[in-house]
Amino acid sequence: MPLHDSRKYCVVDGVLSEFNYEKTYTDKMDYTMNLKGINVAVLSGVPGNDLHDAVMATSLTGFDLGATSPQEDLDKLYQNLVATRNAVAQNPGLVSSVDDPQALLKMLDYAIQYWYTDKRNEALEVLAKNEAQLNLRNGVNTINGVDLDPDDLALSGISIKKFLPM
């Protein structure tokens, strides 16, 4: 790894237990890059990996939300929503132990559909109330010390039928 403002470098080797130590190699092997022997078809790297982007929230890292323009913050949140949606669609088992994957996909699609419209806040409110109803259904009665009131949620007119099979 190059050192800042220098022509020197620091060795980072994940195999050796010694810091800044470079071991000389003892053998050299050249391989013909084809599909016989080494499967080069799998050497594609990780760009575009929605699971990685969703879990690591790559669109939300680097700058604190609010440190950029409001539009850039919205774009970053949207990118994270899309990465999360794609990761769940590709592997529903990621959430199946804690959530209904199809219902979650519908909710994420709903948020994505209205994200860049004047209905975004209304859609997010629908989703927040839907989530509160789901929590009550699953036995969660408080969140961060705030009681969830089933009567208030029922009076709000928000129905979870839009997202969940009954």
N, C-alpha and C. Protein backbone atom coordinates (compact mmCIF):
# COMPACT_ATOMS: atom_id res chain seq x y z
N MET A 1 0.85 -1.14 0.00
CA MET A 1 0.00 0.00 0.00
C MET A 1 0.91 1.22 0.00
N PRO A 2 0.69 2.16 -0.93
CA PRO A 2 1.54 3.37 -0.96
C PRO A 2 1.27 4.24 0.26
N LEU A 3 2.33 4.82 0.77
CA LEU A 3 2.19 5.74 1.89
C LEU A 3 1.88 7.12 1.35
N HIS A 4 1.14 7.89 2.11
CA HIS A 4 0.70 9.22 1.69
C HIS A 4 1.89 10.12 1.35
N ASP A 5 1.84 10.76 0.19
CA ASP A 5 2.87 11.70 -0.26
C ASP A 5 4.27 11.10 -0.19
N SER A 6 4.41 9.87 -0.66
CA SER A 6 5.72 9.23 -0.58
C SER A 6 5.85 8.20 -1.68
N ARG A 7 7.08 7.84 -1.99
CA ARG A 7 7.32 6.76 -2.94
C ARG A 7 7.50 5.44 -2.20
N LYS A 8 7.41 5.49 -0.88
CA LYS A 8 7.53 4.29 -0.07
C LYS A 8 6.18 3.58 0.01
N TYR A 9 6.22 2.36 0.47
CA TYR A 9 4.97 1.61 0.61
C TYR A 9 5.02 0.74 1.86
N CYS A 10 3.86 0.34 2.29
CA CYS A 10 3.70 -0.54 3.44
C CYS A 10 3.09 -1.84 2.92
N VAL A 11 3.66 -2.97 3.32
CA VAL A 11 3.17 -4.26 2.85
C VAL A 11 2.00 -4.71 3.73
N VAL A 12 0.89 -5.03 3.10
CA VAL A 12 -0.26 -5.58 3.79
C VAL A 12 -0.53 -6.94 3.16
N ASP A 13 -0.24 -8.00 3.90
CA ASP A 13 -0.40 -9.36 3.40
C ASP A 13 -1.31 -10.12 4.35
N GLY A 14 -2.49 -10.47 3.87
CA GLY A 14 -3.48 -11.14 4.70
C GLY A 14 -3.10 -12.55 5.10
N VAL A 15 -2.04 -13.12 4.51
CA VAL A 15 -1.63 -14.48 4.82
C VAL A 15 -0.56 -14.51 5.90
N LEU A 16 0.30 -13.52 5.90
CA LEU A 16 1.40 -13.48 6.88
C LEU A 16 0.94 -12.84 8.19
N SER A 17 1.52 -13.27 9.28
CA SER A 17 1.15 -12.71 10.58
C SER A 17 2.06 -11.55 10.97
N GLU A 18 3.02 -11.22 10.15
CA GLU A 18 3.96 -10.14 10.47
C GLU A 18 3.58 -8.88 9.69
N PHE A 19 3.56 -7.75 10.38
CA PHE A 19 3.20 -6.47 9.78
C PHE A 19 4.34 -5.93 8.93
N ASN A 20 4.01 -5.36 7.78
CA ASN A 20 4.96 -4.70 6.89
C ASN A 20 6.13 -5.61 6.52
N TYR A 21 5.82 -6.86 6.25
CA TYR A 21 6.83 -7.84 5.88
C TYR A 21 6.48 -8.43 4.52
N GLU A 22 7.45 -8.48 3.65
CA GLU A 22 7.23 -9.01 2.31
C GLU A 22 8.04 -10.28 2.13
N LYS A 23 7.37 -11.38 1.99
CA LYS A 23 8.03 -12.66 1.81
C LYS A 23 8.30 -12.87 0.33
N THR A 24 9.50 -13.31 0.00
CA THR A 24 9.82 -13.58 -1.40
C THR A 24 9.16 -14.89 -1.81
N TYR A 25 8.72 -14.95 -3.02
CA TYR A 25 8.06 -16.16 -3.48
C TYR A 25 9.10 -17.22 -3.83
N THR A 26 8.69 -18.48 -3.73
CA THR A 26 9.62 -19.59 -3.99
C THR A 26 9.31 -20.26 -5.32
N ASP A 27 8.09 -20.19 -5.77
CA ASP A 27 7.72 -20.82 -7.03
C ASP A 27 6.89 -19.85 -7.85
N LYS A 28 6.95 -20.04 -9.15
CA LYS A 28 6.13 -19.24 -10.05
C LYS A 28 5.44 -20.21 -10.99
N MET A 29 4.13 -20.05 -11.13
CA MET A 29 3.37 -20.91 -12.03
C MET A 29 2.54 -20.04 -12.95
N ASP A 30 2.66 -20.28 -14.22
CA ASP A 30 1.86 -19.58 -15.21
C ASP A 30 0.78 -20.52 -15.72
N TYR A 31 -0.40 -20.00 -15.85
CA TYR A 31 -1.51 -20.79 -16.35
C TYR A 31 -2.07 -20.12 -17.60
N THR A 32 -2.46 -20.92 -18.54
CA THR A 32 -3.18 -20.41 -19.69
C THR A 32 -4.59 -20.07 -19.23
N MET A 33 -5.01 -18.87 -19.51
CA MET A 33 -6.32 -18.44 -19.06
C MET A 33 -7.39 -18.93 -20.03
N ASN A 34 -8.00 -20.04 -19.67
CA ASN A 34 -9.10 -20.61 -20.45
C ASN A 34 -10.03 -21.33 -19.50
N LEU A 35 -11.03 -21.92 -20.02
CA LEU A 35 -12.00 -22.59 -19.16
C LEU A 35 -11.57 -24.00 -18.78
N LYS A 36 -10.36 -24.39 -19.12
CA LYS A 36 -9.84 -25.69 -18.72
C LYS A 36 -8.85 -25.45 -17.59
N GLY A 37 -9.05 -26.05 -16.48
CA GLY A 37 -8.15 -25.84 -15.34
C GLY A 37 -8.70 -24.78 -14.42
N ILE A 38 -8.41 -23.53 -14.69
CA ILE A 38 -8.92 -22.41 -13.87
C ILE A 38 -10.18 -21.88 -14.55
N ASN A 39 -11.23 -21.79 -13.81
CA ASN A 39 -12.49 -21.30 -14.36
C ASN A 39 -12.49 -19.79 -14.37
N VAL A 40 -12.04 -19.19 -15.46
CA VAL A 40 -11.95 -17.73 -15.54
C VAL A 40 -13.32 -17.08 -15.65
N ALA A 41 -14.35 -17.87 -15.94
CA ALA A 41 -15.69 -17.30 -16.07
C ALA A 41 -16.19 -16.72 -14.75
N VAL A 42 -15.66 -17.16 -13.63
CA VAL A 42 -16.13 -16.65 -12.34
C VAL A 42 -15.29 -15.49 -11.82
N LEU A 43 -14.32 -15.05 -12.57
CA LEU A 43 -13.45 -13.96 -12.13
C LEU A 43 -14.03 -12.62 -12.57
N SER A 44 -15.17 -12.26 -12.02
CA SER A 44 -15.84 -11.06 -12.47
C SER A 44 -15.81 -9.93 -11.44
N GLY A 45 -15.34 -10.16 -10.24
CA GLY A 45 -15.32 -9.12 -9.23
C GLY A 45 -16.68 -8.91 -8.60
N VAL A 46 -16.85 -7.80 -7.86
CA VAL A 46 -18.10 -7.58 -7.15
C VAL A 46 -18.93 -6.38 -7.59
N PRO A 47 -18.52 -5.59 -8.60
CA PRO A 47 -19.36 -4.45 -8.95
C PRO A 47 -20.77 -4.89 -9.33
N GLY A 48 -21.75 -4.10 -8.91
CA GLY A 48 -23.13 -4.42 -9.24
C GLY A 48 -23.72 -5.51 -8.37
N ASN A 49 -23.10 -5.81 -7.24
CA ASN A 49 -23.59 -6.84 -6.34
C ASN A 49 -24.60 -6.21 -5.40
N ASP A 50 -25.89 -6.41 -5.68
CA ASP A 50 -26.95 -5.76 -4.89
C ASP A 50 -26.94 -6.20 -3.43
N LEU A 51 -26.62 -7.47 -3.18
CA LEU A 51 -26.58 -7.94 -1.79
C LEU A 51 -25.51 -7.16 -1.03
N HIS A 52 -24.33 -7.06 -1.59
CA HIS A 52 -23.25 -6.30 -0.94
C HIS A 52 -23.66 -4.85 -0.76
N ASP A 53 -24.22 -4.25 -1.80
CA ASP A 53 -24.61 -2.84 -1.72
C ASP A 53 -25.69 -2.60 -0.67
N ALA A 54 -26.64 -3.54 -0.57
CA ALA A 54 -27.73 -3.39 0.41
C ALA A 54 -27.22 -3.57 1.83
N VAL A 55 -26.46 -4.63 2.07
CA VAL A 55 -25.99 -4.92 3.42
C VAL A 55 -25.00 -3.86 3.90
N MET A 56 -24.09 -3.47 3.02
CA MET A 56 -23.06 -2.50 3.40
C MET A 56 -23.53 -1.06 3.21
N ALA A 57 -24.72 -0.87 2.65
CA ALA A 57 -25.27 0.47 2.39
C ALA A 57 -24.25 1.34 1.68
N THR A 58 -23.68 0.80 0.59
CA THR A 58 -22.60 1.51 -0.10
C THR A 58 -23.04 2.87 -0.61
N SER A 59 -24.30 3.03 -0.97
CA SER A 59 -24.74 4.34 -1.45
C SER A 59 -24.83 5.35 -0.32
N LEU A 60 -24.85 4.87 0.92
CA LEU A 60 -24.98 5.78 2.06
C LEU A 60 -23.66 6.06 2.76
N THR A 61 -22.57 5.47 2.28
CA THR A 61 -21.29 5.66 2.93
C THR A 61 -20.48 6.73 2.23
N GLY A 62 -19.47 7.22 2.90
CA GLY A 62 -18.58 8.21 2.32
C GLY A 62 -18.91 9.61 2.79
N PHE A 63 -20.17 9.94 2.83
CA PHE A 63 -20.60 11.26 3.30
C PHE A 63 -21.78 11.05 4.23
N ASP A 64 -21.87 11.86 5.25
CA ASP A 64 -23.03 11.79 6.13
C ASP A 64 -24.23 12.37 5.39
N LEU A 65 -25.37 11.74 5.59
CA LEU A 65 -26.58 12.33 5.03
C LEU A 65 -26.73 13.71 5.62
N GLY A 66 -27.10 14.65 4.81
CA GLY A 66 -27.22 16.02 5.26
C GLY A 66 -25.97 16.83 4.98
N ALA A 67 -24.84 16.17 4.73
CA ALA A 67 -23.60 16.87 4.41
C ALA A 67 -23.56 17.21 2.93
N THR A 68 -24.47 16.64 2.17
CA THR A 68 -24.57 16.92 0.75
C THR A 68 -25.89 17.62 0.50
N SER A 69 -26.23 17.80 -0.77
CA SER A 69 -27.50 18.48 -1.06
C SER A 69 -28.67 17.54 -0.75
N PRO A 70 -29.84 18.12 -0.48
CA PRO A 70 -31.01 17.27 -0.23
C PRO A 70 -31.28 16.29 -1.39
N GLN A 71 -31.06 16.73 -2.63
CA GLN A 71 -31.28 15.84 -3.78
C GLN A 71 -30.29 14.68 -3.77
N GLU A 72 -29.04 14.95 -3.42
CA GLU A 72 -28.05 13.87 -3.34
C GLU A 72 -28.41 12.88 -2.23
N ASP A 73 -28.91 13.39 -1.11
CA ASP A 73 -29.35 12.51 -0.03
C ASP A 73 -30.49 11.61 -0.51
N LEU A 74 -31.46 12.20 -1.22
CA LEU A 74 -32.58 11.41 -1.73
C LEU A 74 -32.11 10.36 -2.73
N ASP A 75 -31.14 10.74 -3.57
CA ASP A 75 -30.60 9.80 -4.55
C ASP A 75 -29.91 8.62 -3.85
N LYS A 76 -29.17 8.91 -2.80
CA LYS A 76 -28.46 7.85 -2.06
C LYS A 76 -29.47 6.90 -1.39
N LEU A 77 -30.49 7.46 -0.78
CA LEU A 77 -31.51 6.63 -0.14
C LEU A 77 -32.23 5.77 -1.18
N TYR A 78 -32.52 6.36 -2.35
CA TYR A 78 -33.17 5.62 -3.42
C TYR A 78 -32.28 4.46 -3.89
N GLN A 79 -30.99 4.72 -4.07
CA GLN A 79 -30.07 3.66 -4.49
C GLN A 79 -30.05 2.52 -3.48
N ASN A 80 -30.10 2.85 -2.20
CA ASN A 80 -30.12 1.82 -1.17
C ASN A 80 -31.43 1.03 -1.19
N LEU A 81 -32.55 1.70 -1.42
CA LEU A 81 -33.84 1.01 -1.55
C LEU A 81 -33.80 0.02 -2.71
N VAL A 82 -33.28 0.46 -3.85
CA VAL A 82 -33.23 -0.40 -5.04
C VAL A 82 -32.29 -1.58 -4.81
N ALA A 83 -31.14 -1.34 -4.20
CA ALA A 83 -30.20 -2.44 -3.93
C ALA A 83 -30.82 -3.44 -2.97
N THR A 84 -31.52 -2.95 -1.95
CA THR A 84 -32.17 -3.84 -1.00
C THR A 84 -33.26 -4.66 -1.69
N ARG A 85 -34.06 -4.00 -2.51
CA ARG A 85 -35.13 -4.68 -3.23
C ARG A 85 -34.56 -5.77 -4.13
N ASN A 86 -33.51 -5.45 -4.87
CA ASN A 86 -32.92 -6.42 -5.79
C ASN A 86 -32.29 -7.60 -5.04
N ALA A 87 -31.65 -7.31 -3.91
CA ALA A 87 -31.03 -8.38 -3.12
C ALA A 87 -32.08 -9.34 -2.59
N VAL A 88 -33.20 -8.82 -2.11
CA VAL A 88 -34.28 -9.67 -1.60
C VAL A 88 -34.92 -10.46 -2.74
N ALA A 89 -35.09 -9.83 -3.90
CA ALA A 89 -35.68 -10.53 -5.04
C ALA A 89 -34.77 -11.67 -5.50
N GLN A 90 -33.47 -11.46 -5.47
CA GLN A 90 -32.52 -12.48 -5.91
C GLN A 90 -32.39 -13.61 -4.90
N ASN A 91 -32.57 -13.30 -3.61
CA ASN A 91 -32.41 -14.33 -2.59
C ASN A 91 -33.41 -14.08 -1.46
N PRO A 92 -34.67 -14.50 -1.63
CA PRO A 92 -35.70 -14.27 -0.61
C PRO A 92 -35.35 -14.86 0.75
N GLY A 93 -34.50 -15.87 0.78
CA GLY A 93 -34.11 -16.49 2.04
C GLY A 93 -33.38 -15.55 2.97
N LEU A 94 -32.89 -14.45 2.44
CA LEU A 94 -32.19 -13.47 3.28
C LEU A 94 -33.09 -12.92 4.38
N VAL A 95 -34.38 -12.81 4.08
CA VAL A 95 -35.30 -12.19 5.04
C VAL A 95 -36.42 -13.10 5.48
N SER A 96 -36.51 -14.30 4.91
CA SER A 96 -37.68 -15.15 5.16
C SER A 96 -37.83 -15.55 6.62
N SER A 97 -36.75 -15.52 7.40
CA SER A 97 -36.88 -15.88 8.82
C SER A 97 -37.47 -14.75 9.65
N VAL A 98 -37.46 -13.53 9.13
CA VAL A 98 -37.97 -12.38 9.89
C VAL A 98 -39.06 -11.61 9.16
N ASP A 99 -39.28 -11.91 7.89
CA ASP A 99 -40.24 -11.14 7.12
C ASP A 99 -40.77 -11.99 5.98
N ASP A 100 -41.91 -11.62 5.45
CA ASP A 100 -42.46 -12.27 4.26
C ASP A 100 -41.78 -11.60 3.06
N PRO A 101 -40.93 -12.34 2.33
CA PRO A 101 -40.17 -11.71 1.24
C PRO A 101 -41.06 -11.05 0.19
N GLN A 102 -42.17 -11.68 -0.17
CA GLN A 102 -43.04 -11.09 -1.20
C GLN A 102 -43.69 -9.80 -0.71
N ALA A 103 -44.09 -9.78 0.55
CA ALA A 103 -44.67 -8.56 1.11
C ALA A 103 -43.61 -7.45 1.18
N LEU A 104 -42.40 -7.81 1.59
CA LEU A 104 -41.33 -6.81 1.65
C LEU A 104 -41.03 -6.26 0.27
N LEU A 105 -41.00 -7.13 -0.74
CA LEU A 105 -40.77 -6.66 -2.11
C LEU A 105 -41.86 -5.70 -2.56
N LYS A 106 -43.10 -6.00 -2.21
CA LYS A 106 -44.20 -5.10 -2.58
C LYS A 106 -44.04 -3.75 -1.89
N MET A 107 -43.62 -3.78 -0.63
CA MET A 107 -43.43 -2.52 0.10
C MET A 107 -42.28 -1.72 -0.49
N LEU A 108 -41.18 -2.39 -0.81
CA LEU A 108 -40.05 -1.69 -1.42
C LEU A 108 -40.43 -1.15 -2.80
N ASP A 109 -41.16 -1.94 -3.58
CA ASP A 109 -41.61 -1.47 -4.89
C ASP A 109 -42.50 -0.23 -4.74
N TYR A 110 -43.34 -0.24 -3.71
CA TYR A 110 -44.23 0.89 -3.46
C TYR A 110 -43.42 2.16 -3.16
N ALA A 111 -42.41 2.02 -2.31
CA ALA A 111 -41.55 3.17 -1.99
C ALA A 111 -40.80 3.65 -3.22
N ILE A 112 -40.27 2.72 -3.99
CA ILE A 112 -39.50 3.06 -5.20
C ILE A 112 -40.41 3.74 -6.23
N GLN A 113 -41.63 3.22 -6.38
CA GLN A 113 -42.57 3.78 -7.35
C GLN A 113 -42.86 5.26 -7.09
N TYR A 114 -42.97 5.63 -5.83
CA TYR A 114 -43.35 7.01 -5.50
C TYR A 114 -42.17 7.87 -5.07
N TRP A 115 -40.96 7.34 -5.13
CA TRP A 115 -39.80 8.06 -4.58
C TRP A 115 -39.60 9.43 -5.23
N TYR A 116 -39.63 9.48 -6.52
CA TYR A 116 -39.37 10.74 -7.22
C TYR A 116 -40.66 11.42 -7.68
N THR A 117 -41.69 11.33 -6.83
CA THR A 117 -42.96 12.00 -7.12
C THR A 117 -43.34 12.88 -5.94
N ASP A 118 -44.39 13.66 -6.12
CA ASP A 118 -44.88 14.48 -5.02
C ASP A 118 -45.66 13.66 -3.98
N LYS A 119 -45.81 12.36 -4.23
CA LYS A 119 -46.51 11.46 -3.31
C LYS A 119 -45.55 10.66 -2.42
N ARG A 120 -44.25 10.96 -2.47
CA ARG A 120 -43.27 10.19 -1.71
C ARG A 120 -43.57 10.18 -0.21
N ASN A 121 -43.78 11.33 0.39
CA ASN A 121 -44.02 11.38 1.83
C ASN A 121 -45.29 10.64 2.22
N GLU A 122 -46.32 10.76 1.40
CA GLU A 122 -47.57 10.04 1.66
C GLU A 122 -47.33 8.53 1.57
N ALA A 123 -46.58 8.10 0.57
CA ALA A 123 -46.27 6.66 0.42
C ALA A 123 -45.45 6.15 1.60
N LEU A 124 -44.49 6.94 2.05
CA LEU A 124 -43.67 6.52 3.19
C LEU A 124 -44.50 6.46 4.46
N GLU A 125 -45.48 7.35 4.60
CA GLU A 125 -46.37 7.31 5.75
C GLU A 125 -47.23 6.04 5.73
N VAL A 126 -47.72 5.67 4.55
CA VAL A 126 -48.49 4.43 4.40
C VAL A 126 -47.62 3.25 4.81
N LEU A 127 -46.38 3.24 4.35
CA LEU A 127 -45.48 2.13 4.68
C LEU A 127 -45.14 2.10 6.17
N ALA A 128 -44.96 3.27 6.79
CA ALA A 128 -44.65 3.31 8.22
C ALA A 128 -45.82 2.76 9.04
N LYS A 129 -47.03 3.14 8.67
CA LYS A 129 -48.21 2.64 9.38
C LYS A 129 -48.39 1.15 9.13
N ASN A 130 -48.12 0.73 7.92
CA ASN A 130 -48.18 -0.70 7.60
C ASN A 130 -47.19 -1.48 8.45
N GLU A 131 -45.99 -0.95 8.59
CA GLU A 131 -44.95 -1.61 9.40
C GLU A 131 -45.39 -1.68 10.86
N ALA A 132 -46.01 -0.61 11.36
CA ALA A 132 -46.48 -0.62 12.74
C ALA A 132 -47.55 -1.70 12.93
N GLN A 133 -48.45 -1.85 11.96
CA GLN A 133 -49.48 -2.90 12.05
C GLN A 133 -48.84 -4.29 12.01
N LEU A 134 -47.84 -4.44 11.17
CA LEU A 134 -47.13 -5.73 11.11
C LEU A 134 -46.48 -6.04 12.45
N ASN A 135 -45.88 -5.02 13.07
CA ASN A 135 -45.25 -5.22 14.37
C ASN A 135 -46.26 -5.67 15.40
N LEU A 136 -47.43 -5.04 15.42
CA LEU A 136 -48.48 -5.45 16.36
C LEU A 136 -48.93 -6.87 16.09
N ARG A 137 -49.11 -7.20 14.82
CA ARG A 137 -49.52 -8.56 14.45
C ARG A 137 -48.50 -9.59 14.93
N ASN A 138 -47.23 -9.20 14.93
CA ASN A 138 -46.16 -10.12 15.33
C ASN A 138 -45.80 -10.00 16.81
N GLY A 139 -46.62 -9.28 17.59
CA GLY A 139 -46.41 -9.23 19.03
C GLY A 139 -45.47 -8.15 19.51
N VAL A 140 -45.06 -7.24 18.65
CA VAL A 140 -44.20 -6.12 19.07
C VAL A 140 -45.13 -4.96 19.43
N ASN A 141 -45.16 -4.62 20.72
CA ASN A 141 -46.10 -3.59 21.18
C ASN A 141 -45.46 -2.23 21.41
N THR A 142 -44.13 -2.19 21.50
CA THR A 142 -43.43 -0.92 21.67
C THR A 142 -42.19 -0.91 20.79
N ILE A 143 -41.84 0.28 20.35
CA ILE A 143 -40.60 0.49 19.60
C ILE A 143 -39.92 1.70 20.20
N ASN A 144 -38.69 1.50 20.67
CA ASN A 144 -37.92 2.57 21.32
C ASN A 144 -38.73 3.24 22.43
N GLY A 145 -39.46 2.45 23.19
CA GLY A 145 -40.21 2.97 24.32
C GLY A 145 -41.53 3.62 23.97
N VAL A 146 -41.88 3.65 22.68
CA VAL A 146 -43.15 4.25 22.26
C VAL A 146 -44.16 3.13 22.05
N ASP A 147 -45.30 3.24 22.75
CA ASP A 147 -46.34 2.23 22.61
C ASP A 147 -47.02 2.35 21.25
N LEU A 148 -47.22 1.22 20.62
CA LEU A 148 -47.99 1.19 19.37
C LEU A 148 -49.45 0.99 19.74
N ASP A 149 -50.29 1.88 19.31
CA ASP A 149 -51.71 1.84 19.67
C ASP A 149 -52.51 1.25 18.51
N PRO A 150 -53.05 0.03 18.69
CA PRO A 150 -53.80 -0.60 17.60
C PRO A 150 -55.04 0.20 17.19
N ASP A 151 -55.66 0.90 18.15
CA ASP A 151 -56.84 1.70 17.81
C ASP A 151 -56.48 2.86 16.89
N ASP A 152 -55.37 3.54 17.20
CA ASP A 152 -54.93 4.64 16.33
C ASP A 152 -54.62 4.13 14.93
N LEU A 153 -53.97 2.98 14.85
CA LEU A 153 -53.63 2.43 13.54
C LEU A 153 -54.89 2.03 12.78
N ALA A 154 -55.86 1.46 13.48
CA ALA A 154 -57.11 1.05 12.82
C ALA A 154 -57.86 2.28 12.31
N LEU A 155 -57.87 3.36 13.10
CA LEU A 155 -58.56 4.58 12.71
C LEU A 155 -57.87 5.30 11.55
N SER A 156 -56.59 5.00 11.35
CA SER A 156 -55.85 5.68 10.29
C SER A 156 -56.33 5.25 8.91
N GLY A 157 -57.04 4.13 8.84
CA GLY A 157 -57.56 3.67 7.56
C GLY A 157 -56.53 2.95 6.71
N ILE A 158 -55.36 2.73 7.22
CA ILE A 158 -54.32 2.05 6.46
C ILE A 158 -54.51 0.55 6.63
N SER A 159 -54.56 -0.15 5.53
CA SER A 159 -54.76 -1.60 5.57
C SER A 159 -53.50 -2.32 5.11
N ILE A 160 -53.12 -3.37 5.82
CA ILE A 160 -51.95 -4.14 5.42
C ILE A 160 -52.27 -5.11 4.31
N LYS A 161 -53.52 -5.21 3.90
CA LYS A 161 -53.89 -6.14 2.84
C LYS A 161 -53.18 -5.82 1.52
N LYS A 162 -52.82 -4.56 1.35
CA LYS A 162 -52.16 -4.15 0.11
C LYS A 162 -50.83 -4.88 -0.06
N PHE A 163 -50.17 -5.22 1.04
CA PHE A 163 -48.84 -5.78 0.96
C PHE A 163 -48.75 -7.23 1.41
N LEU A 164 -49.59 -7.62 2.36
CA LEU A 164 -49.47 -8.97 2.92
C LEU A 164 -50.65 -9.85 2.55
N PRO A 165 -50.37 -11.13 2.29
CA PRO A 165 -51.50 -12.07 2.13
C PRO A 165 -52.17 -12.26 3.49
N MET A 166 -53.47 -12.29 3.51
CA MET A 166 -54.19 -12.43 4.79
C MET A 166 -54.47 -13.88 5.08
